[in-house]
């Protein structure tokens, strides 16, 4: 995809999304949480208290 195509997709998503605060209902069922991240969020937070 070139830059112009990416911008068109982004604009379409922006127009269809009705985000209010932390309401991300418009993406429910469209995206899955990453399972192969190179880090663990819980371990990072636990380590930040050291």
C-alpha atoms as a PDB file:
ATOM      1  CA  UNK A   1       0.000   0.000   0.000  1.00  0.00           C
ATOM      2  CA  UNK A   2       1.324   3.427  -0.826  1.00  0.00           C
ATOM      3  CA  UNK A   3       1.020   6.554   1.315  1.00  0.00           C
ATOM      4  CA  UNK A   4      -2.115   7.818  -0.457  1.00  0.00           C
ATOM      5  CA  UNK A   5      -3.892   4.475   0.021  1.00  0.00           C
ATOM      6  CA  UNK A   6      -2.898   4.334   3.691  1.00  0.00           C
ATOM      7  CA  UNK A   7      -4.226   7.865   4.233  1.00  0.00           C
ATOM      8  CA  UNK A   8      -7.534   6.902   2.600  1.00  0.00           C
ATOM      9  CA  UNK A   9      -7.887   3.873   4.893  1.00  0.00           C
ATOM     10  CA  UNK A  10      -6.989   6.011   7.913  1.00  0.00           C
ATOM     11  CA  UNK A  11      -9.541   8.699   6.993  1.00  0.00           C
ATOM     12  CA  UNK A  12     -12.271   6.089   6.482  1.00  0.00           C
ATOM     13  CA  UNK A  13     -11.501   4.564   9.898  1.00  0.00           C
ATOM     14  CA  UNK A  14     -11.424   8.000  11.503  1.00  0.00           C
ATOM     15  CA  UNK A  15     -14.859   8.851  10.091  1.00  0.00           C
ATOM     16  CA  UNK A  16     -16.434   5.547  11.171  1.00  0.00           C
ATOM     17  CA  UNK A  17     -14.971   5.504  14.691  1.00  0.00           C
ATOM     18  CA  UNK A  18     -16.981   7.223  17.359  1.00  0.00           C
ATOM     19  CA  UNK A  19     -14.451   7.184  20.184  1.00  0.00           C
ATOM     20  CA  UNK A  20     -15.572   8.759  23.426  1.00  0.00           C
ATOM     21  CA  UNK A  21     -13.042   8.544  26.251  1.00  0.00           C
ATOM     22  CA  UNK A  22     -11.891   4.950  26.633  1.00  0.00           C
ATOM     23  CA  UNK A  23     -14.704   3.464  24.528  1.00  0.00           C
ATOM     24  CA  UNK A  24     -13.051   1.380  21.837  1.00  0.00           C
ATOM     25  CA  UNK A  25     -16.184  -0.628  20.987  1.00  0.00           C
ATOM     26  CA  UNK A  26     -15.760   0.155  17.282  1.00  0.00           C
ATOM     27  CA  UNK A  27     -12.758  -2.202  17.097  1.00  0.00           C
ATOM     28  CA  UNK A  28     -14.307  -5.060  19.097  1.00  0.00           C
ATOM     29  CA  UNK A  29     -13.809  -8.283  17.173  1.00  0.00           C
ATOM     30  CA  UNK A  30     -11.586  -6.639  14.569  1.00  0.00           C
ATOM     31  CA  UNK A  31      -8.234  -6.876  16.301  1.00  0.00           C
ATOM     32  CA  UNK A  32      -6.581  -9.414  18.559  1.00  0.00           C
ATOM     33  CA  UNK A  33      -4.160  -8.721  21.340  1.00  0.00           C
ATOM     34  CA  UNK A  34      -0.584  -9.472  20.377  1.00  0.00           C
ATOM     35  CA  UNK A  35       0.599 -12.766  21.793  1.00  0.00           C
ATOM     36  CA  UNK A  36       4.211 -12.612  20.676  1.00  0.00           C
ATOM     37  CA  UNK A  37       5.382  -9.357  22.215  1.00  0.00           C
ATOM     38  CA  UNK A  38       9.096  -9.316  23.073  1.00  0.00           C
ATOM     39  CA  UNK A  39       8.293  -8.062  26.590  1.00  0.00           C
ATOM     40  CA  UNK A  40       5.841  -8.720  29.413  1.00  0.00           C
ATOM     41  CA  UNK A  41       3.826  -5.729  30.663  1.00  0.00           C
ATOM     42  CA  UNK A  42       3.242  -7.145  34.156  1.00  0.00           C
ATOM     43  CA  UNK A  43       6.984  -7.845  34.604  1.00  0.00           C
ATOM     44  CA  UNK A  44       7.886  -4.320  33.408  1.00  0.00           C
ATOM     45  CA  UNK A  45       5.490  -2.745  35.930  1.00  0.00           C
ATOM     46  CA  UNK A  46       6.710  -4.995  38.757  1.00  0.00           C
ATOM     47  CA  UNK A  47      10.323  -4.124  37.924  1.00  0.00           C
ATOM     48  CA  UNK A  48       9.608  -0.381  37.889  1.00  0.00           C
ATOM     49  CA  UNK A  49       8.925  -0.516  41.633  1.00  0.00           C
ATOM     50  CA  UNK A  50      12.430  -1.826  42.396  1.00  0.00           C
END
